[in-house]
Amino acid sequence: MTAPNLCPACGARNNCSMASEQIEDQPCWCYSVSIDPQILQALAPEQRNSACLCPRCADVLSQLPPASTQQLT
């Protein structure tokens, strides 16, 4: 099982606010992007719903503000 703060696809930090006690009360970066459902379907079944993807694996870096992109990569 993947740790909730790591991307199940690559193992990098996913920067999920829900997985961080310090910022769990803030909206996650993923709330402001649109992730292609095919990306999620490409994950192995055991990787789905285990943890958030990182912005790179979710292919949403271009949807994030420049300041956020620097913090997440």
PDB file of N, CA and C in Angstrom:
ATOM      1  N   MET A   1       0.838  -1.185   0.000  1.00  0.00           N
ATOM      2  CA  MET A   1       0.000   0.000   0.000  1.00  0.00           C
ATOM      3  C   MET A   1       0.884   1.250   0.000  1.00  0.00           C
ATOM      4  N   THR A   2       0.510   2.224  -0.789  1.00  0.00           N
ATOM      5  CA  THR A   2       1.263   3.459  -0.914  1.00  0.00           C
ATOM      6  C   THR A   2       0.978   4.383   0.264  1.00  0.00           C
ATOM      7  N   ALA A   3       2.018   5.068   0.739  1.00  0.00           N
ATOM      8  CA  ALA A   3       1.824   6.073   1.787  1.00  0.00           C
ATOM      9  C   ALA A   3       0.951   7.187   1.225  1.00  0.00           C
ATOM     10  N   PRO A   4       0.059   7.776   2.013  1.00  0.00           N
ATOM     11  CA  PRO A   4      -0.859   8.786   1.493  1.00  0.00           C
ATOM     12  C   PRO A   4      -0.184  10.055   0.973  1.00  0.00           C
ATOM     13  N   ASN A   5       1.068  10.306   1.361  1.00  0.00           N
ATOM     14  CA  ASN A   5       1.761  11.505   0.890  1.00  0.00           C
ATOM     15  C   ASN A   5       2.664  11.233  -0.307  1.00  0.00           C
ATOM     16  N   LEU A   6       2.612  10.023  -0.861  1.00  0.00           N
ATOM     17  CA  LEU A   6       3.438   9.663  -2.012  1.00  0.00           C
ATOM     18  C   LEU A   6       2.577   9.285  -3.209  1.00  0.00           C
ATOM     19  N   CYS A   7       3.039   9.663  -4.378  1.00  0.00           N
ATOM     20  CA  CYS A   7       2.343   9.336  -5.623  1.00  0.00           C
ATOM     21  C   CYS A   7       2.403   7.822  -5.849  1.00  0.00           C
ATOM     22  N   PRO A   8       1.275   7.172  -6.090  1.00  0.00           N
ATOM     23  CA  PRO A   8       1.294   5.728  -6.310  1.00  0.00           C
ATOM     24  C   PRO A   8       1.950   5.333  -7.635  1.00  0.00           C
ATOM     25  N   ALA A   9       2.077   6.271  -8.569  1.00  0.00           N
ATOM     26  CA  ALA A   9       2.669   5.947  -9.864  1.00  0.00           C
ATOM     27  C   ALA A   9       4.190   6.033  -9.857  1.00  0.00           C
ATOM     28  N   CYS A  10       4.750   7.074  -9.193  1.00  0.00           N
ATOM     29  CA  CYS A  10       6.209   7.263  -9.256  1.00  0.00           C
ATOM     30  C   CYS A  10       6.895   7.266  -7.895  1.00  0.00           C
ATOM     31  N   GLY A  11       6.134   7.389  -6.813  1.00  0.00           N
ATOM     32  CA  GLY A  11       6.717   7.382  -5.483  1.00  0.00           C
ATOM     33  C   GLY A  11       7.185   8.739  -4.976  1.00  0.00           C
ATOM     34  N   ALA A  12       7.042   9.790  -5.788  1.00  0.00           N
ATOM     35  CA  ALA A  12       7.437  11.145  -5.371  1.00  0.00           C
ATOM     36  C   ALA A  12       6.384  11.715  -4.426  1.00  0.00           C
ATOM     37  N   ARG A  13       6.745  12.764  -3.699  1.00  0.00           N
ATOM     38  CA  ARG A  13       5.771  13.444  -2.848  1.00  0.00           C
ATOM     39  C   ARG A  13       4.631  13.954  -3.715  1.00  0.00           C
ATOM     40  N   ASN A  14       3.408  13.780  -3.264  1.00  0.00           N
ATOM     41  CA  ASN A  14       2.266  14.226  -4.059  1.00  0.00           C
ATOM     42  C   ASN A  14       1.731  15.584  -3.601  1.00  0.00           C
ATOM     43  N   ASN A  15       2.261  16.100  -2.494  1.00  0.00           N
ATOM     44  CA  ASN A  15       1.861  17.406  -1.960  1.00  0.00           C
ATOM     45  C   ASN A  15       0.351  17.492  -1.697  1.00  0.00           C
ATOM     46  N   CYS A  16      -0.235  16.383  -1.321  1.00  0.00           N
ATOM     47  CA  CYS A  16      -1.661  16.342  -1.006  1.00  0.00           C
ATOM     48  C   CYS A  16      -1.894  16.987   0.351  1.00  0.00           C
ATOM     49  N   SER A  17      -2.742  17.991   0.415  1.00  0.00           N
ATOM     50  CA  SER A  17      -3.004  18.651   1.694  1.00  0.00           C
ATOM     51  C   SER A  17      -3.738  17.710   2.656  1.00  0.00           C
ATOM     52  N   MET A  18      -4.512  16.791   2.122  1.00  0.00           N
ATOM     53  CA  MET A  18      -5.248  15.858   2.968  1.00  0.00           C
ATOM     54  C   MET A  18      -4.306  14.884   3.689  1.00  0.00           C
ATOM     55  N   ALA A  19      -3.103  14.689   3.147  1.00  0.00           N
ATOM     56  CA  ALA A  19      -2.142  13.753   3.728  1.00  0.00           C
ATOM     57  C   ALA A  19      -1.145  14.445   4.652  1.00  0.00           C
ATOM     58  N   SER A  20      -1.314  15.748   4.857  1.00  0.00           N
ATOM     59  CA  SER A  20      -0.390  16.512   5.690  1.00  0.00           C
ATOM     60  C   SER A  20      -1.127  17.114   6.881  1.00  0.00           C
ATOM     61  N   GLU A  21      -0.703  16.775   8.072  1.00  0.00           N
ATOM     62  CA  GLU A  21      -1.357  17.313   9.263  1.00  0.00           C
ATOM     63  C   GLU A  21      -1.238  18.836   9.340  1.00  0.00           C
ATOM     64  N   GLN A  22      -0.158  19.396   8.794  1.00  0.00           N
ATOM     65  CA  GLN A  22       0.059  20.840   8.859  1.00  0.00           C
ATOM     66  C   GLN A  22      -0.919  21.627   7.985  1.00  0.00           C
ATOM     67  N   ILE A  23      -1.346  21.048   6.880  1.00  0.00           N
ATOM     68  CA  ILE A  23      -2.211  21.797   5.952  1.00  0.00           C
ATOM     69  C   ILE A  23      -3.490  21.043   5.581  1.00  0.00           C
ATOM     70  N   GLU A  24      -3.861  20.046   6.377  1.00  0.00           N
ATOM     71  CA  GLU A  24      -5.029  19.228   6.026  1.00  0.00           C
ATOM     72  C   GLU A  24      -6.337  20.004   5.980  1.00  0.00           C
ATOM     73  N   ASP A  25      -6.372  21.200   6.571  1.00  0.00           N
ATOM     74  CA  ASP A  25      -7.589  22.010   6.555  1.00  0.00           C
ATOM     75  C   ASP A  25      -7.657  22.929   5.332  1.00  0.00           C
ATOM     76  N   GLN A  26      -6.648  22.885   4.469  1.00  0.00           N
ATOM     77  CA  GLN A  26      -6.617  23.715   3.263  1.00  0.00           C
ATOM     78  C   GLN A  26      -7.005  22.880   2.046  1.00  0.00           C
ATOM     79  N   PRO A  27      -7.580  23.525   1.033  1.00  0.00           N
ATOM     80  CA  PRO A  27      -7.918  22.770  -0.182  1.00  0.00           C
ATOM     81  C   PRO A  27      -6.654  22.248  -0.872  1.00  0.00           C
ATOM     82  N   CYS A  28      -6.741  21.071  -1.383  1.00  0.00           N
ATOM     83  CA  CYS A  28      -5.613  20.458  -2.080  1.00  0.00           C
ATOM     84  C   CYS A  28      -5.440  21.085  -3.471  1.00  0.00           C
ATOM     85  N   TRP A  29      -4.230  21.032  -3.994  1.00  0.00           N
ATOM     86  CA  TRP A  29      -3.946  21.573  -5.328  1.00  0.00           C
ATOM     87  C   TRP A  29      -4.813  20.886  -6.380  1.00  0.00           C
ATOM     88  N   CYS A  30      -5.189  19.639  -6.135  1.00  0.00           N
ATOM     89  CA  CYS A  30      -5.952  18.890  -7.150  1.00  0.00           C
ATOM     90  C   CYS A  30      -7.375  19.401  -7.313  1.00  0.00           C
ATOM     91  N   TYR A  31      -7.862  20.183  -6.343  1.00  0.00           N
ATOM     92  CA  TYR A  31      -9.208  20.731  -6.457  1.00  0.00           C
ATOM     93  C   TYR A  31      -9.324  21.765  -7.571  1.00  0.00           C
ATOM     94  N   SER A  32      -8.198  22.317  -8.001  1.00  0.00           N
ATOM     95  CA  SER A  32      -8.229  23.391  -8.997  1.00  0.00           C
ATOM     96  C   SER A  32      -7.805  22.927 -10.390  1.00  0.00           C
ATOM     97  N   VAL A  33      -7.678  21.624 -10.592  1.00  0.00           N
ATOM     98  CA  VAL A  33      -7.240  21.105 -11.891  1.00  0.00           C
ATOM     99  C   VAL A  33      -8.218  20.046 -12.394  1.00  0.00           C
ATOM    100  N   SER A  34      -8.070  19.708 -13.652  1.00  0.00           N
ATOM    101  CA  SER A  34      -8.871  18.655 -14.259  1.00  0.00           C
ATOM    102  C   SER A  34      -7.930  17.526 -14.688  1.00  0.00           C
ATOM    103  N   ILE A  35      -8.083  16.363 -14.059  1.00  0.00           N
ATOM    104  CA  ILE A  35      -7.236  15.214 -14.374  1.00  0.00           C
ATOM    105  C   ILE A  35      -7.972  14.327 -15.367  1.00  0.00           C
ATOM    106  N   ASP A  36      -7.299  13.998 -16.445  1.00  0.00           N
ATOM    107  CA  ASP A  36      -7.877  13.149 -17.476  1.00  0.00           C
ATOM    108  C   ASP A  36      -8.213  11.779 -16.871  1.00  0.00           C
ATOM    109  N   PRO A  37      -9.444  11.335 -16.973  1.00  0.00           N
ATOM    110  CA  PRO A  37      -9.831  10.035 -16.416  1.00  0.00           C
ATOM    111  C   PRO A  37      -8.994   8.875 -16.953  1.00  0.00           C
ATOM    112  N   GLN A  38      -8.470   8.998 -18.165  1.00  0.00           N
ATOM    113  CA  GLN A  38      -7.639   7.930 -18.734  1.00  0.00           C
ATOM    114  C   GLN A  38      -6.342   7.748 -17.948  1.00  0.00           C
ATOM    115  N   ILE A  39      -5.837   8.837 -17.357  1.00  0.00           N
ATOM    116  CA  ILE A  39      -4.631   8.729 -16.529  1.00  0.00           C
ATOM    117  C   ILE A  39      -4.928   7.869 -15.309  1.00  0.00           C
ATOM    118  N   LEU A  40      -6.068   8.091 -14.708  1.00  0.00           N
ATOM    119  CA  LEU A  40      -6.440   7.301 -13.538  1.00  0.00           C
ATOM    120  C   LEU A  40      -6.707   5.846 -13.917  1.00  0.00           C
ATOM    121  N   GLN A  41      -7.337   5.629 -15.051  1.00  0.00           N
ATOM    122  CA  GLN A  41      -7.628   4.268 -15.499  1.00  0.00           C
ATOM    123  C   GLN A  41      -6.358   3.504 -15.864  1.00  0.00           C
ATOM    124  N   ALA A  42      -5.285   4.226 -16.214  1.00  0.00           N
ATOM    125  CA  ALA A  42      -4.027   3.576 -16.580  1.00  0.00           C
ATOM    126  C   ALA A  42      -3.289   3.019 -15.365  1.00  0.00           C
ATOM    127  N   LEU A  43      -3.673   3.464 -14.172  1.00  0.00           N
ATOM    128  CA  LEU A  43      -3.049   2.940 -12.959  1.00  0.00           C
ATOM    129  C   LEU A  43      -3.485   1.493 -12.742  1.00  0.00           C
ATOM    130  N   ALA A  44      -2.605   0.713 -12.148  1.00  0.00           N
ATOM    131  CA  ALA A  44      -2.975  -0.648 -11.782  1.00  0.00           C
ATOM    132  C   ALA A  44      -4.094  -0.567 -10.741  1.00  0.00           C
ATOM    133  N   PRO A  45      -5.008  -1.509 -10.728  1.00  0.00           N
ATOM    134  CA  PRO A  45      -6.141  -1.454  -9.786  1.00  0.00           C
ATOM    135  C   PRO A  45      -5.713  -1.231  -8.336  1.00  0.00           C
ATOM    136  N   GLU A  46      -4.623  -1.841  -7.912  1.00  0.00           N
ATOM    137  CA  GLU A  46      -4.191  -1.686  -6.521  1.00  0.00           C
ATOM    138  C   GLU A  46      -3.619  -0.296  -6.230  1.00  0.00           C
ATOM    139  N   GLN A  47      -3.307   0.489  -7.270  1.00  0.00           N
ATOM    140  CA  GLN A  47      -2.801   1.852  -7.091  1.00  0.00           C
ATOM    141  C   GLN A  47      -3.925   2.886  -7.034  1.00  0.00           C
ATOM    142  N   ARG A  48      -5.086   2.540  -7.538  1.00  0.00           N
ATOM    143  CA  ARG A  48      -6.211   3.477  -7.559  1.00  0.00           C
ATOM    144  C   ARG A  48      -6.776   3.665  -6.159  1.00  0.00           C
ATOM    145  N   ASN A  49      -7.136   4.892  -5.864  1.00  0.00           N
ATOM    146  CA  ASN A  49      -7.764   5.243  -4.589  1.00  0.00           C
ATOM    147  C   ASN A  49      -6.894   4.948  -3.369  1.00  0.00           C
ATOM    148  N   SER A  50      -5.581   4.805  -3.576  1.00  0.00           N
ATOM    149  CA  SER A  50      -4.693   4.564  -2.437  1.00  0.00           C
ATOM    150  C   SER A  50      -4.007   5.848  -1.983  1.00  0.00           C
ATOM    151  N   ALA A  51      -3.767   6.750  -2.914  1.00  0.00           N
ATOM    152  CA  ALA A  51      -3.117   8.035  -2.628  1.00  0.00           C
ATOM    153  C   ALA A  51      -3.253   8.911  -3.866  1.00  0.00           C
ATOM    154  N   CYS A  52      -3.081  10.208  -3.680  1.00  0.00           N
ATOM    155  CA  CYS A  52      -3.151  11.139  -4.814  1.00  0.00           C
ATOM    156  C   CYS A  52      -1.921  11.000  -5.706  1.00  0.00           C
ATOM    157  N   LEU A  53      -2.135  11.205  -6.986  1.00  0.00           N
ATOM    158  CA  LEU A  53      -1.011  11.307  -7.906  1.00  0.00           C
ATOM    159  C   LEU A  53      -0.266  12.605  -7.639  1.00  0.00           C
ATOM    160  N   CYS A  54       0.989  12.665  -8.039  1.00  0.00           N
ATOM    161  CA  CYS A  54       1.711  13.937  -7.997  1.00  0.00           C
ATOM    162  C   CYS A  54       1.292  14.749  -9.229  1.00  0.00           C
ATOM    163  N   PRO A  55       1.492  16.063  -9.229  1.00  0.00           N
ATOM    164  CA  PRO A  55       1.083  16.875 -10.375  1.00  0.00           C
ATOM    165  C   PRO A  55       1.710  16.424 -11.699  1.00  0.00           C
ATOM    166  N   ARG A  56       2.946  15.933 -11.646  1.00  0.00           N
ATOM    167  CA  ARG A  56       3.615  15.485 -12.883  1.00  0.00           C
ATOM    168  C   ARG A  56       2.915  14.250 -13.455  1.00  0.00           C
ATOM    169  N   CYS A  57       2.667  13.252 -12.624  1.00  0.00           N
ATOM    170  CA  CYS A  57       2.004  12.035 -13.102  1.00  0.00           C
ATOM    171  C   CYS A  57       0.551  12.298 -13.489  1.00  0.00           C
ATOM    172  N   ALA A  58      -0.079  13.258 -12.827  1.00  0.00           N
ATOM    173  CA  ALA A  58      -1.445  13.630 -13.180  1.00  0.00           C
ATOM    174  C   ALA A  58      -1.479  14.471 -14.449  1.00  0.00           C
ATOM    175  N   ASP A  59      -0.310  14.880 -14.931  1.00  0.00           N
ATOM    176  CA  ASP A  59      -0.166  15.685 -16.147  1.00  0.00           C
ATOM    177  C   ASP A  59      -0.959  16.988 -16.057  1.00  0.00           C
ATOM    178  N   VAL A  60      -0.787  17.694 -14.925  1.00  0.00           N
ATOM    179  CA  VAL A  60      -1.523  18.936 -14.714  1.00  0.00           C
ATOM    180  C   VAL A  60      -0.607  20.131 -14.418  1.00  0.00           C
ATOM    181  N   LEU A  61       0.697  19.973 -14.582  1.00  0.00           N
ATOM    182  CA  LEU A  61       1.610  21.074 -14.268  1.00  0.00           C
ATOM    183  C   LEU A  61       1.233  22.356 -15.000  1.00  0.00           C
ATOM    184  N   SER A  62       0.774  22.242 -16.241  1.00  0.00           N
ATOM    185  CA  SER A  62       0.419  23.436 -17.014  1.00  0.00           C
ATOM    186  C   SER A  62      -0.843  24.115 -16.479  1.00  0.00           C
ATOM    187  N   GLN A  63      -1.640  23.412 -15.676  1.00  0.00           N
ATOM    188  CA  GLN A  63      -2.871  23.981 -15.120  1.00  0.00           C
ATOM    189  C   GLN A  63      -2.640  24.715 -13.801  1.00  0.00           C
ATOM    190  N   LEU A  64      -1.474  24.529 -13.207  1.00  0.00           N
ATOM    191  CA  LEU A  64      -1.188  25.139 -11.905  1.00  0.00           C
ATOM    192  C   LEU A  64      -0.534  26.498 -12.071  1.00  0.00           C
ATOM    193  N   PRO A  65      -0.765  27.423 -11.141  1.00  0.00           N
ATOM    194  CA  PRO A  65      -0.084  28.723 -11.197  1.00  0.00           C
ATOM    195  C   PRO A  65       1.421  28.515 -11.082  1.00  0.00           C
ATOM    196  N   PRO A  66       2.225  29.401 -11.705  1.00  0.00           N
ATOM    197  CA  PRO A  66       3.689  29.232 -11.678  1.00  0.00           C
ATOM    198  C   PRO A  66       4.264  29.060 -10.278  1.00  0.00           C
ATOM    199  N   ALA A  67       3.789  29.813  -9.292  1.00  0.00           N
ATOM    200  CA  ALA A  67       4.324  29.701  -7.931  1.00  0.00           C
ATOM    201  C   ALA A  67       4.040  28.313  -7.361  1.00  0.00           C
ATOM    202  N   SER A  68       2.877  27.771  -7.620  1.00  0.00           N
ATOM    203  CA  SER A  68       2.525  26.436  -7.129  1.00  0.00           C
ATOM    204  C   SER A  68       3.371  25.377  -7.800  1.00  0.00           C
ATOM    205  N   THR A  69       3.627  25.538  -9.080  1.00  0.00           N
ATOM    206  CA  THR A  69       4.418  24.572  -9.819  1.00  0.00           C
ATOM    207  C   THR A  69       5.814  24.464  -9.225  1.00  0.00           C
ATOM    208  N   GLN A  70       6.419  25.567  -8.856  1.00  0.00           N
ATOM    209  CA  GLN A  70       7.758  25.551  -8.273  1.00  0.00           C
ATOM    210  C   GLN A  70       7.762  24.816  -6.943  1.00  0.00           C
ATOM    211  N   GLN A  71       6.728  24.952  -6.141  1.00  0.00           N
ATOM    212  CA  GLN A  71       6.665  24.281  -4.848  1.00  0.00           C
ATOM    213  C   GLN A  71       6.413  22.786  -4.987  1.00  0.00           C
ATOM    214  N   LEU A  72       5.751  22.363  -6.041  1.00  0.00           N
ATOM    215  CA  LEU A  72       5.348  20.980  -6.188  1.00  0.00           C
ATOM    216  C   LEU A  72       6.365  20.116  -6.927  1.00  0.00           C
ATOM    217  N   THR A  73       7.309  20.714  -7.593  1.00  0.00           N
ATOM    218  CA  THR A  73       8.247  19.912  -8.368  1.00  0.00           C
ATOM    219  C   THR A  73       9.562  19.756  -7.679  1.00  0.00           C
TER     220      THR A  73
END
